[in-house]
Amino acid sequence: MESTSSILSVQTGRAFDADWAGRLKRTAIDKTPVEGGAYVGPLGLDGDEQADVEHHGGPDKAVYAYAREDVDLWQARLGRTLANGVFGENLTTAGLDLLDTVVGERWRVGPVLLEVTLPRTPCGVFQAWLAERQWVRRFTEEGRTGVYLRVLEPGHVTPGDPVTVEHRPAHGLTVLSGFRASRAGDAETLHGLAAVPGASEVWAAQAERALART
């Protein structure tokens, strides 16, 4: 089946010191395009780095993708130019509706096979980086979180590579529904996500926290 979705650009970044970057005073949110793409392994892209390894990186957050269509929406609302990678994404996609992405969905990108795992949770560093007031609240309310991806089959990703959804689980639980459930303390939905085969342990932890609040 021919794909109409593709990778618009590939970004990596190194950690740097910044007074505004939370308690660590260090961040790797500044991702810049790599013209020839990059090799993607189980822990992410060659040349990429995470400063806050407690909340970023690892097999379940190896790659972060954000849709150019969603960047364009924010660009119009904020009234400023937003380049690919400005949200700290490794892959800027075109033609993919990430709001409808199902947890456990698998993408074929050139030789690489990726699996959707988690939404991005906005933080104060993200807000300081964009220098937009109440950015965390606005980003959360909008729900255009982008998606984290696990690497099932490594390889080189290049701008222009088509993206084909090879597998879409029948459970119907989207990344957006999981994000909303985590914000609302919806233990039932979170337990449903935790039961998805191969699901990140983050969902089970969030479900337990939601139960503890009831």
Protein backbone atom coordinates (compact mmCIF):
# COMPACT_ATOMS: atom_id res chain seq x y z
CA MET A 1 0.00 0.00 0.00
CA GLU A 2 1.42 3.38 -1.02
CA SER A 3 1.97 5.81 1.86
CA THR A 4 1.02 9.48 1.70
CA SER A 5 2.75 10.15 5.01
CA SER A 6 6.44 10.89 5.34
CA ILE A 7 9.28 12.16 7.47
CA LEU A 8 9.69 15.85 6.72
CA SER A 9 12.88 16.30 8.71
CA VAL A 10 15.16 14.52 11.19
CA GLN A 11 16.61 16.34 14.21
CA THR A 12 19.20 15.69 16.89
CA GLY A 13 20.66 17.81 19.68
CA ARG A 14 23.26 17.82 22.42
CA ALA A 15 22.75 18.87 26.02
CA PHE A 16 23.78 22.40 26.99
CA ASP A 17 23.79 24.48 30.16
CA ALA A 18 20.93 26.95 30.64
CA ASP A 19 19.90 28.87 33.74
CA TRP A 20 16.22 28.50 32.79
CA ALA A 21 16.37 24.71 32.39
CA GLY A 22 14.76 23.60 35.66
CA ARG A 23 16.65 22.12 38.59
CA LEU A 24 19.32 20.55 36.39
CA LYS A 25 20.10 23.85 34.61
CA ARG A 26 20.82 21.69 31.59
CA THR A 27 18.71 20.61 28.61
CA ALA A 28 18.90 19.03 25.15
CA ILE A 29 15.60 20.43 23.87
CA ASP A 30 17.30 22.34 21.03
CA LYS A 31 17.07 19.88 18.14
CA THR A 32 18.39 20.88 14.72
CA PRO A 33 17.86 19.19 11.34
CA VAL A 34 20.37 16.63 10.08
CA GLU A 35 20.36 16.85 6.29
CA GLY A 36 21.21 13.22 5.62
CA GLY A 37 19.17 11.83 8.49
CA ALA A 38 20.54 9.62 11.25
CA TYR A 39 20.88 6.03 12.37
CA VAL A 40 18.19 5.04 14.86
CA GLY A 41 18.97 2.42 17.48
CA PRO A 42 17.13 1.10 20.56
CA LEU A 43 18.01 4.21 22.59
CA GLY A 44 17.44 6.79 19.88
CA LEU A 45 19.24 8.65 17.13
CA ASP A 46 23.00 8.81 16.74
CA GLY A 47 24.15 12.27 17.72
CA ASP A 48 21.14 12.90 19.94
CA GLU A 49 21.26 13.36 23.70
CA GLN A 50 18.98 13.81 26.73
CA ALA A 51 19.96 15.92 29.72
CA ASP A 52 17.18 14.82 32.09
CA VAL A 53 17.44 11.04 31.77
CA GLU A 54 14.90 10.55 34.56
CA HIS A 55 12.12 11.92 32.36
CA HIS A 56 13.49 11.58 28.83
CA GLY A 57 15.12 8.86 26.77
CA GLY A 58 15.25 5.12 27.35
CA PRO A 59 13.72 2.40 25.15
CA ASP A 60 10.12 3.64 25.57
CA LYS A 61 11.06 7.22 24.68
CA ALA A 62 13.81 6.53 22.18
CA VAL A 63 12.32 8.76 19.47
CA TYR A 64 9.96 11.72 19.70
CA ALA A 65 7.76 12.62 16.73
CA TYR A 66 5.64 15.71 16.14
CA ALA A 67 3.42 16.51 13.17
CA ARG A 68 4.23 19.52 10.99
CA GLU A 69 0.49 20.12 10.72
CA ASP A 70 0.36 20.63 14.50
CA VAL A 71 3.43 22.88 14.39
CA ASP A 72 1.64 24.96 11.75
CA LEU A 73 -1.43 25.25 14.00
CA TRP A 74 0.71 26.58 16.85
CA GLN A 75 2.60 28.83 14.46
CA ALA A 76 -0.66 30.51 13.45
CA ARG A 77 -1.88 30.83 17.03
CA LEU A 78 1.38 32.16 18.42
CA GLY A 79 2.02 34.48 15.49
CA ARG A 80 5.65 33.46 15.09
CA THR A 81 7.68 31.21 12.82
CA LEU A 82 8.29 27.75 14.24
CA ALA A 83 10.99 25.65 12.61
CA ASN A 84 11.08 21.88 12.45
CA GLY A 85 12.53 20.60 15.71
CA VAL A 86 11.45 23.57 17.83
CA PHE A 87 9.34 21.29 20.03
CA GLY A 88 12.34 19.07 20.64
CA GLU A 89 11.13 16.43 18.23
CA ASN A 90 13.49 14.02 16.48
CA LEU A 91 11.09 13.37 13.62
CA THR A 92 8.83 15.98 12.07
CA THR A 93 6.10 14.11 10.21
CA ALA A 94 3.82 15.13 7.36
CA GLY A 95 0.46 13.53 6.58
CA LEU A 96 0.03 11.72 9.91
CA ASP A 97 -2.79 12.58 12.31
CA LEU A 98 -1.01 12.02 15.60
CA LEU A 99 -4.19 12.81 17.56
CA ASP A 100 -5.60 9.54 16.26
CA THR A 101 -2.50 7.44 16.90
CA VAL A 102 -3.14 4.23 18.86
CA VAL A 103 -0.80 3.00 21.59
CA GLY A 104 1.08 0.03 20.15
CA GLU A 105 0.69 1.22 16.55
CA ARG A 106 3.70 0.37 14.41
CA TRP A 107 5.26 2.54 11.73
CA ARG A 108 7.59 1.43 8.98
CA VAL A 109 9.98 4.30 8.18
CA GLY A 110 12.47 3.21 5.56
CA PRO A 111 14.27 0.22 7.15
CA VAL A 112 13.18 1.20 10.67
CA LEU A 113 10.18 -0.18 12.56
CA LEU A 114 8.84 2.07 15.31
CA GLU A 115 6.13 1.44 17.90
CA VAL A 116 4.01 4.17 19.50
CA THR A 117 4.35 4.14 23.29
CA LEU A 118 3.52 7.39 25.11
CA PRO A 119 2.46 11.03 24.82
CA ARG A 120 4.79 13.88 25.66
CA THR A 121 4.07 15.53 29.03
CA PRO A 122 4.93 19.25 28.87
CA CYS A 123 7.19 20.70 31.55
CA GLY A 124 8.59 24.00 32.73
CA VAL A 125 11.73 23.61 30.62
CA PHE A 126 9.58 23.29 27.50
CA GLN A 127 7.72 26.48 28.51
CA ALA A 128 10.95 28.39 29.21
CA TRP A 129 12.44 27.24 25.91
CA LEU A 130 9.49 28.59 23.90
CA ALA A 131 9.16 31.67 26.13
CA GLU A 132 5.36 31.54 25.92
CA ARG A 133 3.27 32.39 28.96
CA GLN A 134 1.15 29.55 30.34
CA TRP A 135 2.53 27.28 27.64
CA VAL A 136 2.26 24.10 29.74
CA ARG A 137 -1.44 24.75 30.35
CA ARG A 138 -2.14 25.61 26.71
CA PHE A 139 -0.24 22.61 25.37
CA THR A 140 -2.01 20.32 27.85
CA GLU A 141 -5.47 21.65 27.04
CA GLU A 142 -4.88 21.31 23.29
CA GLY A 143 -3.68 17.70 23.60
CA ARG A 144 -1.42 17.81 20.55
CA THR A 145 1.33 16.06 22.47
CA GLY A 146 3.20 14.30 19.71
CA VAL A 147 4.23 10.70 20.35
CA TYR A 148 7.15 8.82 21.79
CA LEU A 149 8.27 5.72 19.92
CA ARG A 150 10.10 2.50 20.71
CA VAL A 151 12.57 1.16 18.13
CA LEU A 152 11.74 -2.44 17.17
CA GLU A 153 14.00 -2.62 14.12
CA PRO A 154 16.93 -0.19 13.87
CA GLY A 155 18.24 1.51 10.77
CA HIS A 156 18.86 4.84 9.09
CA VAL A 157 16.02 7.37 8.86
CA THR A 158 16.23 9.99 6.12
CA PRO A 159 14.09 13.06 5.40
CA GLY A 160 11.55 12.09 2.75
CA ASP A 161 11.20 8.50 3.95
CA PRO A 162 7.57 7.36 3.65
CA VAL A 163 5.75 6.35 6.83
CA THR A 164 3.50 3.31 6.57
CA VAL A 165 1.32 2.16 9.46
CA GLU A 166 2.04 -1.59 9.42
CA HIS A 167 -0.04 -2.49 12.46
CA ARG A 168 -2.85 -0.75 14.32
CA PRO A 169 -4.15 -2.53 17.45
CA ALA A 170 -7.89 -3.09 17.70
CA HIS A 171 -8.19 -1.81 21.29
CA GLY A 172 -8.70 1.75 20.00
CA LEU A 173 -6.94 3.48 22.92
CA THR A 174 -5.19 6.51 21.48
CA VAL A 175 -2.22 8.38 22.84
CA LEU A 176 -4.53 11.37 23.29
CA SER A 177 -7.05 9.34 25.34
CA GLY A 178 -4.20 8.14 27.54
CA PHE A 179 -2.91 11.66 28.00
CA ARG A 180 -6.37 12.91 28.94
CA ALA A 181 -6.82 9.96 31.31
CA SER A 182 -3.53 10.68 33.07
CA ARG A 183 -4.54 14.32 33.56
CA ALA A 184 -8.01 13.37 34.83
CA GLY A 185 -6.96 10.42 37.00
CA ASP A 186 -9.06 8.02 34.91
CA ALA A 187 -7.83 4.73 36.36
CA GLU A 188 -10.04 2.56 34.14
CA THR A 189 -8.59 3.92 30.90
CA LEU A 190 -5.07 3.83 32.30
CA HIS A 191 -5.47 0.20 33.36
CA GLY A 192 -6.72 -0.57 29.86
CA LEU A 193 -3.56 0.96 28.42
CA ALA A 194 -1.38 -0.90 30.91
CA ALA A 195 -2.94 -4.17 29.68
CA VAL A 196 -1.95 -3.54 26.05
CA PRO A 197 0.71 -6.13 25.07
CA GLY A 198 4.14 -4.56 25.33
CA ALA A 199 2.79 -1.36 26.89
CA SER A 200 5.19 0.95 28.68
CA GLU A 201 5.31 0.50 32.44
CA VAL A 202 4.47 4.20 32.69
CA TRP A 203 0.79 3.40 32.06
CA ALA A 204 0.62 0.95 34.98
CA ALA A 205 2.33 3.44 37.28
CA GLN A 206 -0.12 6.15 36.30
CA ALA A 207 -3.05 3.79 36.82
CA GLU A 208 -1.86 2.97 40.34
CA ARG A 209 -1.46 6.65 41.17
CA ALA A 210 -4.97 7.33 39.88
CA LEU A 211 -6.37 4.53 42.04
CA ALA A 212 -4.55 5.84 45.08
CA ARG A 213 -6.28 9.20 44.67
CA THR A 214 -9.78 7.69 44.69
